[in-house]
Amino acid sequence: MSLQSLKDTFSSDAKGRIAAGLLSLSALSLPFSSASADENRISLTEAQARAICTLPSKGYECATAGFEEPMTAEQIARSDFSKNRIVYHFGKDFFDAGLAAHLNSSKGAPTIAIPGGPDKGLAIFIDGHDTGKVFTQANLDRGAVNAAFQDFYKKWMAKKGVDISTVSENPRPQNAELTPSPSSP
């Protein structure tokens, strides 16, 4: 059974979408030549995925903990938490932005996923700047989006003179009270 057919099978409910997201992540980390041997191995449990990825309200899926409430692009651009980070601003029916953000963070590019973006799409902010592109679920599932933005982010931060090892993965503690940034009206 192919990875895509497994994802399609799982995508019918919330638990299945988490499993489908995990399958996407496992595909990103596998060498293409040995994908068939490792296709059934998922490195995260559902409990671990839920610790990474919370299920926000209002029809959105898989946000970074502490960022479950939808925000506008303008709010993200003005926020202090987007400084020196990548923000995945995802829309309804976009399933694994939080897991992809966690993967980016584990690769040295601190990334958070916030709902409220374009439906079935993903807008990306780097250091508070909108990249101006909207990506699809298929774009993210292929892994090229994460890899390209990890590289660009690292070069951008080096140019700014920012030591990315000092940037926290999540600027809000788990179960944090949602409050607007000081720059918000």
N, C-alpha and C. Protein backbone atom coordinates (compact mmCIF):
# COMPACT_ATOMS: atom_id res chain seq x y z
N MET A 1 0.85 -1.17 0.00
CA MET A 1 0.00 0.00 0.00
C MET A 1 0.90 1.24 0.00
N SER A 2 0.59 2.19 -0.85
CA SER A 2 1.42 3.40 -0.94
C SER A 2 1.16 4.32 0.24
N LEU A 3 2.10 5.24 0.45
CA LEU A 3 1.97 6.23 1.52
C LEU A 3 0.73 7.08 1.31
N GLN A 4 0.46 7.51 0.06
CA GLN A 4 -0.71 8.35 -0.20
C GLN A 4 -2.00 7.59 0.07
N SER A 5 -2.08 6.32 -0.29
CA SER A 5 -3.32 5.57 -0.04
C SER A 5 -3.53 5.36 1.45
N LEU A 6 -2.44 5.18 2.22
CA LEU A 6 -2.58 5.11 3.68
C LEU A 6 -3.11 6.43 4.23
N LYS A 7 -2.56 7.55 3.77
CA LYS A 7 -3.02 8.86 4.22
C LYS A 7 -4.49 9.05 3.87
N ASP A 8 -4.90 8.68 2.65
CA ASP A 8 -6.30 8.83 2.25
C ASP A 8 -7.22 8.00 3.13
N THR A 9 -6.77 6.79 3.50
CA THR A 9 -7.56 5.93 4.36
C THR A 9 -7.74 6.56 5.74
N PHE A 10 -6.68 7.17 6.27
CA PHE A 10 -6.72 7.74 7.60
C PHE A 10 -7.44 9.08 7.68
N SER A 11 -7.61 9.78 6.60
CA SER A 11 -8.06 11.18 6.62
C SER A 11 -9.54 11.37 6.95
N SER A 12 -10.26 10.35 7.33
CA SER A 12 -11.69 10.50 7.55
C SER A 12 -12.08 11.08 8.90
N ASP A 13 -11.23 11.08 9.92
CA ASP A 13 -11.57 11.67 11.21
C ASP A 13 -10.34 12.32 11.83
N ALA A 14 -10.51 12.97 12.99
CA ALA A 14 -9.40 13.71 13.62
C ALA A 14 -8.21 12.82 13.93
N LYS A 15 -8.46 11.64 14.53
CA LYS A 15 -7.35 10.74 14.84
C LYS A 15 -6.67 10.29 13.56
N GLY A 16 -7.47 10.05 12.54
CA GLY A 16 -6.91 9.62 11.27
C GLY A 16 -6.08 10.71 10.62
N ARG A 17 -6.52 11.97 10.74
CA ARG A 17 -5.75 13.06 10.16
C ARG A 17 -4.41 13.21 10.88
N ILE A 18 -4.39 12.96 12.19
CA ILE A 18 -3.11 13.01 12.91
C ILE A 18 -2.21 11.89 12.40
N ALA A 19 -2.76 10.70 12.23
CA ALA A 19 -1.97 9.60 11.70
C ALA A 19 -1.49 9.91 10.29
N ALA A 20 -2.36 10.52 9.47
CA ALA A 20 -1.95 10.90 8.12
C ALA A 20 -0.82 11.91 8.16
N GLY A 21 -0.91 12.85 9.09
CA GLY A 21 0.16 13.83 9.24
C GLY A 21 1.46 13.17 9.66
N LEU A 22 1.36 12.20 10.55
CA LEU A 22 2.55 11.48 10.98
C LEU A 22 3.16 10.71 9.82
N LEU A 23 2.30 10.15 8.97
CA LEU A 23 2.82 9.46 7.79
C LEU A 23 3.54 10.45 6.88
N SER A 24 3.01 11.67 6.76
CA SER A 24 3.69 12.69 5.96
C SER A 24 5.06 12.99 6.53
N LEU A 25 5.12 13.16 7.85
CA LEU A 25 6.40 13.45 8.48
C LEU A 25 7.38 12.31 8.34
N SER A 26 6.89 11.09 8.47
CA SER A 26 7.82 9.97 8.34
C SER A 26 8.35 9.90 6.91
N ALA A 27 7.53 10.26 5.94
CA ALA A 27 7.99 10.25 4.55
C ALA A 27 9.05 11.32 4.32
N LEU A 28 8.93 12.45 5.02
CA LEU A 28 9.91 13.52 4.85
C LEU A 28 11.29 13.10 5.33
N SER A 29 11.35 12.26 6.34
CA SER A 29 12.63 11.90 6.93
C SER A 29 13.22 10.62 6.36
N LEU A 30 12.50 9.95 5.49
CA LEU A 30 13.00 8.70 4.94
C LEU A 30 13.75 8.91 3.64
N PRO A 31 14.83 8.19 3.43
CA PRO A 31 15.47 8.24 2.11
C PRO A 31 14.53 7.59 1.10
N PHE A 32 14.43 8.17 -0.09
CA PHE A 32 13.48 7.67 -1.07
C PHE A 32 13.74 6.22 -1.47
N SER A 33 14.98 5.80 -1.47
CA SER A 33 15.30 4.45 -1.91
C SER A 33 14.82 3.38 -0.93
N SER A 34 14.65 3.73 0.36
CA SER A 34 14.23 2.71 1.31
C SER A 34 12.84 2.96 1.87
N ALA A 35 12.04 3.77 1.18
CA ALA A 35 10.72 4.12 1.68
C ALA A 35 9.84 2.89 1.87
N SER A 36 9.92 1.90 0.98
CA SER A 36 9.05 0.75 1.11
C SER A 36 9.36 -0.06 2.36
N ALA A 37 10.60 -0.13 2.76
CA ALA A 37 10.96 -0.88 3.97
C ALA A 37 10.50 -0.17 5.23
N ASP A 38 10.49 1.15 5.22
CA ASP A 38 10.16 1.92 6.41
C ASP A 38 8.76 2.51 6.39
N GLU A 39 7.96 2.20 5.38
CA GLU A 39 6.66 2.83 5.20
C GLU A 39 5.73 2.61 6.39
N ASN A 40 5.81 1.49 7.06
CA ASN A 40 4.90 1.19 8.16
C ASN A 40 5.40 1.68 9.50
N ARG A 41 6.59 2.27 9.56
CA ARG A 41 7.16 2.73 10.81
C ARG A 41 6.83 4.20 11.02
N ILE A 42 6.15 4.52 12.12
CA ILE A 42 5.84 5.89 12.49
C ILE A 42 6.57 6.15 13.79
N SER A 43 7.39 7.21 13.81
CA SER A 43 8.23 7.44 14.97
C SER A 43 7.54 8.14 16.12
N LEU A 44 6.37 8.77 15.91
CA LEU A 44 5.65 9.45 16.97
C LEU A 44 4.37 8.71 17.31
N THR A 45 4.05 8.67 18.59
CA THR A 45 2.75 8.12 19.00
C THR A 45 1.71 9.21 18.87
N GLU A 46 0.44 8.85 18.93
CA GLU A 46 -0.63 9.86 18.88
C GLU A 46 -0.49 10.84 20.04
N ALA A 47 -0.13 10.35 21.22
CA ALA A 47 0.04 11.23 22.39
C ALA A 47 1.16 12.24 22.14
N GLN A 48 2.26 11.79 21.54
CA GLN A 48 3.35 12.70 21.22
C GLN A 48 2.91 13.72 20.17
N ALA A 49 2.14 13.26 19.19
CA ALA A 49 1.65 14.18 18.16
C ALA A 49 0.74 15.23 18.78
N ARG A 50 -0.12 14.84 19.71
CA ARG A 50 -1.01 15.80 20.36
C ARG A 50 -0.23 16.79 21.22
N ALA A 51 0.91 16.39 21.76
CA ALA A 51 1.74 17.31 22.53
C ALA A 51 2.37 18.35 21.61
N ILE A 52 2.62 17.98 20.37
CA ILE A 52 3.20 18.88 19.38
C ILE A 52 2.10 19.72 18.73
N CYS A 53 0.98 19.09 18.49
CA CYS A 53 -0.05 19.61 17.62
C CYS A 53 -1.39 19.59 18.33
N THR A 54 -1.93 20.75 18.64
CA THR A 54 -3.24 20.79 19.28
C THR A 54 -4.31 20.98 18.21
N LEU A 55 -5.50 20.56 18.52
CA LEU A 55 -6.60 20.67 17.57
C LEU A 55 -7.45 21.89 17.96
N PRO A 56 -7.21 23.02 17.31
CA PRO A 56 -7.94 24.23 17.66
C PRO A 56 -9.41 24.16 17.25
N SER A 57 -10.15 25.15 17.68
CA SER A 57 -11.58 25.19 17.39
C SER A 57 -11.85 25.78 16.01
N LYS A 58 -13.11 25.87 15.67
CA LYS A 58 -13.58 26.53 14.46
C LYS A 58 -13.12 25.87 13.17
N GLY A 59 -12.90 24.55 13.20
CA GLY A 59 -12.60 23.82 11.98
C GLY A 59 -11.15 23.78 11.55
N TYR A 60 -10.26 24.32 12.36
CA TYR A 60 -8.84 24.28 12.02
C TYR A 60 -8.21 23.04 12.66
N GLU A 61 -7.10 22.59 12.10
CA GLU A 61 -6.41 21.40 12.58
C GLU A 61 -4.95 21.71 12.89
N CYS A 62 -4.40 21.07 13.91
CA CYS A 62 -2.97 20.96 14.13
C CYS A 62 -2.19 22.28 14.26
N ALA A 63 -2.47 23.00 15.34
CA ALA A 63 -1.75 24.25 15.63
C ALA A 63 -0.65 23.99 16.65
N THR A 64 0.30 24.90 16.73
CA THR A 64 1.32 24.85 17.78
C THR A 64 0.63 25.19 19.10
N ALA A 65 0.97 24.48 20.17
CA ALA A 65 0.37 24.72 21.48
C ALA A 65 0.53 26.18 21.87
N GLY A 66 -0.58 26.77 22.35
CA GLY A 66 -0.60 28.17 22.74
C GLY A 66 -1.04 29.09 21.61
N PHE A 67 -1.22 28.54 20.42
CA PHE A 67 -1.61 29.34 19.25
C PHE A 67 -2.85 28.74 18.58
N GLU A 68 -3.81 28.31 19.37
CA GLU A 68 -4.99 27.64 18.84
C GLU A 68 -6.03 28.58 18.25
N GLU A 69 -6.03 29.85 18.67
CA GLU A 69 -7.02 30.79 18.17
C GLU A 69 -6.59 31.38 16.83
N PRO A 70 -7.52 31.45 15.87
CA PRO A 70 -7.18 32.00 14.56
C PRO A 70 -6.71 33.46 14.66
N MET A 71 -5.76 33.80 13.82
CA MET A 71 -5.24 35.16 13.73
C MET A 71 -5.23 35.58 12.27
N THR A 72 -5.23 36.88 12.05
CA THR A 72 -5.12 37.40 10.69
C THR A 72 -3.64 37.53 10.32
N ALA A 73 -3.39 37.67 9.03
CA ALA A 73 -2.02 37.88 8.56
C ALA A 73 -1.45 39.17 9.14
N GLU A 74 -2.28 40.19 9.25
CA GLU A 74 -1.83 41.47 9.81
C GLU A 74 -1.42 41.31 11.28
N GLN A 75 -2.20 40.54 12.04
CA GLN A 75 -1.85 40.31 13.45
C GLN A 75 -0.51 39.58 13.56
N ILE A 76 -0.29 38.63 12.70
CA ILE A 76 0.98 37.88 12.74
C ILE A 76 2.14 38.79 12.38
N ALA A 77 1.98 39.59 11.34
CA ALA A 77 3.06 40.49 10.90
C ALA A 77 3.42 41.50 11.99
N ARG A 78 2.44 41.93 12.80
CA ARG A 78 2.69 42.92 13.86
C ARG A 78 3.12 42.28 15.18
N SER A 79 3.07 40.97 15.27
CA SER A 79 3.32 40.30 16.55
C SER A 79 4.80 40.23 16.90
N ASP A 80 5.04 40.15 18.20
CA ASP A 80 6.42 39.98 18.64
C ASP A 80 6.87 38.53 18.54
N PHE A 81 5.94 37.57 18.56
CA PHE A 81 6.34 36.17 18.51
C PHE A 81 6.79 35.73 17.13
N SER A 82 6.49 36.50 16.09
CA SER A 82 6.94 36.11 14.76
C SER A 82 8.38 36.58 14.48
N LYS A 83 8.89 37.43 15.37
CA LYS A 83 10.26 37.91 15.19
C LYS A 83 11.26 36.76 15.31
N ASN A 84 12.14 36.65 14.36
CA ASN A 84 13.20 35.62 14.31
C ASN A 84 12.67 34.20 14.22
N ARG A 85 11.45 34.04 13.74
CA ARG A 85 10.84 32.72 13.58
C ARG A 85 10.17 32.59 12.23
N ILE A 86 9.86 31.35 11.89
CA ILE A 86 8.99 31.06 10.75
C ILE A 86 7.60 30.84 11.34
N VAL A 87 6.57 31.38 10.69
CA VAL A 87 5.20 31.14 11.10
C VAL A 87 4.47 30.49 9.93
N TYR A 88 3.88 29.33 10.19
CA TYR A 88 3.00 28.68 9.22
C TYR A 88 1.59 29.12 9.55
N HIS A 89 0.98 29.92 8.68
CA HIS A 89 -0.37 30.44 8.87
C HIS A 89 -1.30 29.61 8.00
N PHE A 90 -1.99 28.66 8.63
CA PHE A 90 -2.74 27.68 7.85
C PHE A 90 -4.24 27.90 7.94
N GLY A 91 -4.93 27.41 6.92
CA GLY A 91 -6.37 27.57 6.85
C GLY A 91 -7.12 26.30 7.19
N LYS A 92 -8.44 26.42 7.11
CA LYS A 92 -9.30 25.25 7.34
C LYS A 92 -8.97 24.18 6.31
N ASP A 93 -9.14 22.95 6.72
CA ASP A 93 -8.87 21.78 5.87
C ASP A 93 -7.40 21.66 5.47
N PHE A 94 -6.52 22.23 6.29
CA PHE A 94 -5.08 22.03 6.12
C PHE A 94 -4.64 21.26 7.35
N PHE A 95 -4.12 20.04 7.20
CA PHE A 95 -4.08 19.09 8.30
C PHE A 95 -2.84 19.01 9.17
N ASP A 96 -1.67 19.22 8.68
CA ASP A 96 -0.51 18.93 9.53
C ASP A 96 0.51 20.05 9.61
N ALA A 97 0.05 21.29 9.61
CA ALA A 97 0.98 22.43 9.71
C ALA A 97 1.75 22.40 11.03
N GLY A 98 1.09 22.03 12.12
CA GLY A 98 1.76 21.99 13.43
C GLY A 98 2.86 20.94 13.48
N LEU A 99 2.62 19.81 12.86
CA LEU A 99 3.64 18.76 12.83
C LEU A 99 4.81 19.19 11.94
N ALA A 100 4.50 19.83 10.81
CA ALA A 100 5.57 20.32 9.93
C ALA A 100 6.37 21.42 10.62
N ALA A 101 5.67 22.27 11.39
CA ALA A 101 6.37 23.32 12.15
C ALA A 101 7.32 22.70 13.17
N HIS A 102 6.86 21.66 13.84
CA HIS A 102 7.72 20.98 14.82
C HIS A 102 8.94 20.36 14.13
N LEU A 103 8.73 19.78 12.97
CA LEU A 103 9.84 19.20 12.22
C LEU A 103 10.85 20.29 11.86
N ASN A 104 10.37 21.43 11.39
CA ASN A 104 11.27 22.55 11.09
C ASN A 104 12.06 22.94 12.32
N SER A 105 11.38 23.07 13.46
CA SER A 105 12.05 23.47 14.69
C SER A 105 13.12 22.46 15.08
N SER A 106 12.84 21.19 14.89
CA SER A 106 13.82 20.15 15.25
C SER A 106 15.04 20.19 14.32
N LYS A 107 14.89 20.83 13.17
CA LYS A 107 15.99 20.96 12.21
C LYS A 107 16.69 22.32 12.35
N GLY A 108 16.40 23.05 13.44
CA GLY A 108 17.10 24.30 13.71
C GLY A 108 16.47 25.55 13.13
N ALA A 109 15.21 25.46 12.71
CA ALA A 109 14.50 26.62 12.18
C ALA A 109 13.21 26.81 12.98
N PRO A 110 13.25 27.54 14.12
CA PRO A 110 12.08 27.67 14.98
C PRO A 110 10.83 28.12 14.21
N THR A 111 9.81 27.27 14.26
CA THR A 111 8.60 27.49 13.47
C THR A 111 7.38 27.22 14.33
N ILE A 112 6.36 28.07 14.18
CA ILE A 112 5.08 27.85 14.87
C ILE A 112 3.97 27.83 13.83
N ALA A 113 2.89 27.12 14.13
CA ALA A 113 1.75 27.01 13.23
C ALA A 113 0.54 27.67 13.89
N ILE A 114 -0.06 28.60 13.16
CA ILE A 114 -1.19 29.38 13.69
C ILE A 114 -2.34 29.29 12.70
N PRO A 115 -3.56 28.99 13.18
CA PRO A 115 -4.72 28.94 12.28
C PRO A 115 -5.17 30.34 11.87
N GLY A 116 -5.98 30.38 10.80
CA GLY A 116 -6.56 31.64 10.34
C GLY A 116 -6.09 32.02 8.95
N GLY A 117 -5.27 31.18 8.36
CA GLY A 117 -4.74 31.46 7.02
C GLY A 117 -5.74 31.10 5.93
N PRO A 118 -5.28 31.06 4.71
CA PRO A 118 -6.17 30.77 3.58
C PRO A 118 -6.72 29.34 3.65
N ASP A 119 -8.03 29.20 3.36
CA ASP A 119 -8.64 27.87 3.38
C ASP A 119 -7.88 26.92 2.46
N LYS A 120 -7.64 25.71 2.96
CA LYS A 120 -6.92 24.66 2.24
C LYS A 120 -5.53 25.12 1.82
N GLY A 121 -4.97 26.10 2.53
CA GLY A 121 -3.67 26.62 2.14
C GLY A 121 -2.80 26.97 3.33
N LEU A 122 -1.57 27.32 3.02
CA LEU A 122 -0.56 27.66 4.01
C LEU A 122 0.21 28.88 3.52
N ALA A 123 0.12 29.97 4.30
CA ALA A 123 0.94 31.16 4.03
C ALA A 123 2.11 31.09 5.01
N ILE A 124 3.25 31.59 4.59
CA ILE A 124 4.44 31.49 5.43
C ILE A 124 5.02 32.87 5.68
N PHE A 125 5.32 33.14 6.95
CA PHE A 125 5.97 34.38 7.37
C PHE A 125 7.36 34.02 7.87
N ILE A 126 8.33 34.84 7.52
CA ILE A 126 9.68 34.67 8.05
C ILE A 126 10.06 35.99 8.71
N ASP A 127 10.34 35.93 9.99
CA ASP A 127 10.74 37.11 10.75
C ASP A 127 9.70 38.23 10.61
N GLY A 128 8.42 37.85 10.62
CA GLY A 128 7.33 38.81 10.53
C GLY A 128 6.98 39.28 9.13
N HIS A 129 7.67 38.77 8.12
CA HIS A 129 7.42 39.18 6.73
C HIS A 129 6.71 38.06 5.98
N ASP A 130 5.60 38.39 5.34
CA ASP A 130 4.84 37.44 4.54
C ASP A 130 5.64 37.13 3.28
N THR A 131 5.81 35.85 2.98
CA THR A 131 6.56 35.46 1.78
C THR A 131 5.77 35.69 0.51
N GLY A 132 4.45 35.93 0.65
CA GLY A 132 3.63 36.25 -0.51
C GLY A 132 3.17 35.06 -1.32
N LYS A 133 3.41 33.86 -0.83
CA LYS A 133 2.97 32.66 -1.55
C LYS A 133 2.05 31.84 -0.66
N VAL A 134 1.12 31.13 -1.28
CA VAL A 134 0.24 30.21 -0.57
C VAL A 134 0.54 28.81 -1.09
N PHE A 135 0.79 27.91 -0.15
CA PHE A 135 1.13 26.54 -0.49
C PHE A 135 -0.05 25.62 -0.21
N THR A 136 -0.11 24.51 -0.93
CA THR A 136 -1.18 23.53 -0.75
C THR A 136 -0.71 22.42 0.18
N GLN A 137 -1.64 21.57 0.59
CA GLN A 137 -1.31 20.41 1.40
C GLN A 137 -0.31 19.52 0.66
N ALA A 138 -0.51 19.34 -0.63
CA ALA A 138 0.40 18.50 -1.43
C ALA A 138 1.81 19.09 -1.43
N ASN A 139 1.93 20.43 -1.52
CA ASN A 139 3.26 21.06 -1.46
C ASN A 139 3.96 20.71 -0.15
N LEU A 140 3.24 20.83 0.96
CA LEU A 140 3.83 20.56 2.27
C LEU A 140 4.16 19.08 2.43
N ASP A 141 3.27 18.22 1.96
CA ASP A 141 3.47 16.77 2.10
C ASP A 141 4.73 16.29 1.37
N ARG A 142 5.12 16.95 0.30
CA ARG A 142 6.30 16.53 -0.46
C ARG A 142 7.60 16.85 0.27
N GLY A 143 7.57 17.76 1.24
CA GLY A 143 8.76 18.06 2.02
C GLY A 143 9.60 19.20 1.49
N ALA A 144 9.39 19.60 0.26
CA ALA A 144 10.21 20.66 -0.32
C ALA A 144 9.98 22.00 0.35
N VAL A 145 8.76 22.27 0.83
CA VAL A 145 8.46 23.54 1.48
C VAL A 145 9.31 23.68 2.74
N ASN A 146 9.27 22.68 3.61
CA ASN A 146 10.06 22.75 4.84
C ASN A 146 11.54 22.94 4.54
N ALA A 147 12.07 22.14 3.65
CA ALA A 147 13.51 22.20 3.35
C ALA A 147 13.91 23.56 2.80
N ALA A 148 13.13 24.09 1.88
CA ALA A 148 13.45 25.38 1.27
C ALA A 148 13.41 26.50 2.30
N PHE A 149 12.39 26.50 3.16
CA PHE A 149 12.28 27.58 4.13
C PHE A 149 13.25 27.43 5.30
N GLN A 150 13.65 26.22 5.64
CA GLN A 150 14.70 26.04 6.64
C GLN A 150 15.98 26.71 6.15
N ASP A 151 16.33 26.43 4.90
CA ASP A 151 17.56 26.99 4.32
C ASP A 151 17.49 28.51 4.23
N PHE A 152 16.38 29.03 3.69
CA PHE A 152 16.22 30.47 3.56
C PHE A 152 16.25 31.15 4.92
N TYR A 153 15.55 30.59 5.90
CA TYR A 153 15.51 31.15 7.26
C TYR A 153 16.91 31.23 7.86
N LYS A 154 17.66 30.17 7.76
CA LYS A 154 19.01 30.15 8.33
C LYS A 154 19.91 31.21 7.69
N LYS A 155 19.81 31.37 6.38
CA LYS A 155 20.60 32.40 5.69
C LYS A 155 20.15 33.80 6.11
N TRP A 156 18.83 34.00 6.22
CA TRP A 156 18.28 35.30 6.62
C TRP A 156 18.75 35.67 8.03
N MET A 157 18.69 34.73 8.95
CA MET A 157 19.09 35.02 10.32
C MET A 157 20.59 35.26 10.42
N ALA A 158 21.38 34.53 9.64
CA ALA A 158 22.84 34.75 9.63
C ALA A 158 23.15 36.16 9.11
N LYS A 159 22.42 36.58 8.09
CA LYS A 159 22.61 37.92 7.53
C LYS A 159 22.26 38.99 8.57
N LYS A 160 21.23 38.73 9.39
CA LYS A 160 20.83 39.66 10.46
C LYS A 160 21.75 39.57 11.67
N GLY A 161 22.58 38.53 11.73
CA GLY A 161 23.46 38.34 12.88
C GLY A 161 22.76 37.72 14.08
N VAL A 162 21.67 36.98 13.83
CA VAL A 162 20.91 36.34 14.91
C VAL A 162 21.42 34.91 15.11
N ASP A 163 21.74 34.58 16.35
CA ASP A 163 22.13 33.21 16.70
C ASP A 163 20.84 32.41 16.89
N ILE A 164 20.48 31.59 15.91
CA ILE A 164 19.20 30.90 15.96
C ILE A 164 19.10 29.87 17.09
N SER A 165 20.23 29.48 17.64
CA SER A 165 20.18 28.54 18.76
C SER A 165 19.60 29.20 20.01
N THR A 166 19.51 30.52 20.02
CA THR A 166 18.94 31.23 21.18
C THR A 166 17.45 31.52 21.01
N VAL A 167 16.88 31.21 19.84
CA VAL A 167 15.45 31.45 19.57
C VAL A 167 14.67 30.23 20.03
N SER A 168 13.71 30.43 20.94
CA SER A 168 12.94 29.29 21.46
C SER A 168 12.02 28.73 20.38
N GLU A 169 11.77 27.42 20.49
CA GLU A 169 10.88 26.75 19.53
C GLU A 169 9.47 27.32 19.63
N ASN A 170 8.98 27.53 20.85
CA ASN A 170 7.63 28.04 21.06
C ASN A 170 7.72 29.21 22.04
N PRO A 171 7.35 30.41 21.60
CA PRO A 171 7.45 31.57 22.48
C PRO A 171 6.41 31.59 23.59
N ARG A 172 5.41 30.74 23.51
CA ARG A 172 4.40 30.64 24.56
C ARG A 172 4.50 29.28 25.23
N PRO A 173 4.45 29.26 26.57
CA PRO A 173 4.45 27.96 27.24
C PRO A 173 3.18 27.19 26.92
N GLN A 174 3.26 25.87 26.99
CA GLN A 174 2.08 25.04 26.76
C GLN A 174 0.96 25.48 27.68
N ASN A 175 -0.28 25.45 27.18
CA ASN A 175 -1.47 25.84 27.93
C ASN A 175 -1.41 27.30 28.38
N ALA A 176 -0.73 28.14 27.60
CA ALA A 176 -0.60 29.54 27.95
C ALA A 176 -1.92 30.28 27.74
N GLU A 177 -2.12 31.30 28.52
CA GLU A 177 -3.26 32.17 28.34
C GLU A 177 -3.02 32.93 27.04
N LEU A 178 -4.02 32.97 26.16
CA LEU A 178 -3.86 33.66 24.90
C LEU A 178 -4.05 35.16 25.13
N THR A 179 -3.01 35.91 24.91
CA THR A 179 -3.07 37.37 25.06
C THR A 179 -2.45 38.01 23.83
N PRO A 180 -2.98 39.18 23.44
CA PRO A 180 -2.39 39.84 22.28
C PRO A 180 -1.01 40.40 22.62
N SER A 181 -0.21 40.58 21.60
CA SER A 181 1.12 41.14 21.81
C SER A 181 0.99 42.62 22.17
N PRO A 182 2.01 43.22 22.79
CA PRO A 182 1.94 44.63 23.17
C PRO A 182 1.68 45.55 21.99
N SER A 183 2.06 45.17 20.80
CA SER A 183 1.88 46.03 19.63
C SER A 183 0.48 45.95 19.05
N SER A 184 -0.36 45.00 19.55
CA SER A 184 -1.72 44.85 19.05
C SER A 184 -2.61 45.94 19.64
N PRO A 185 -3.63 46.37 18.87
CA PRO A 185 -4.54 47.40 19.38
C PRO A 185 -5.41 46.89 20.50
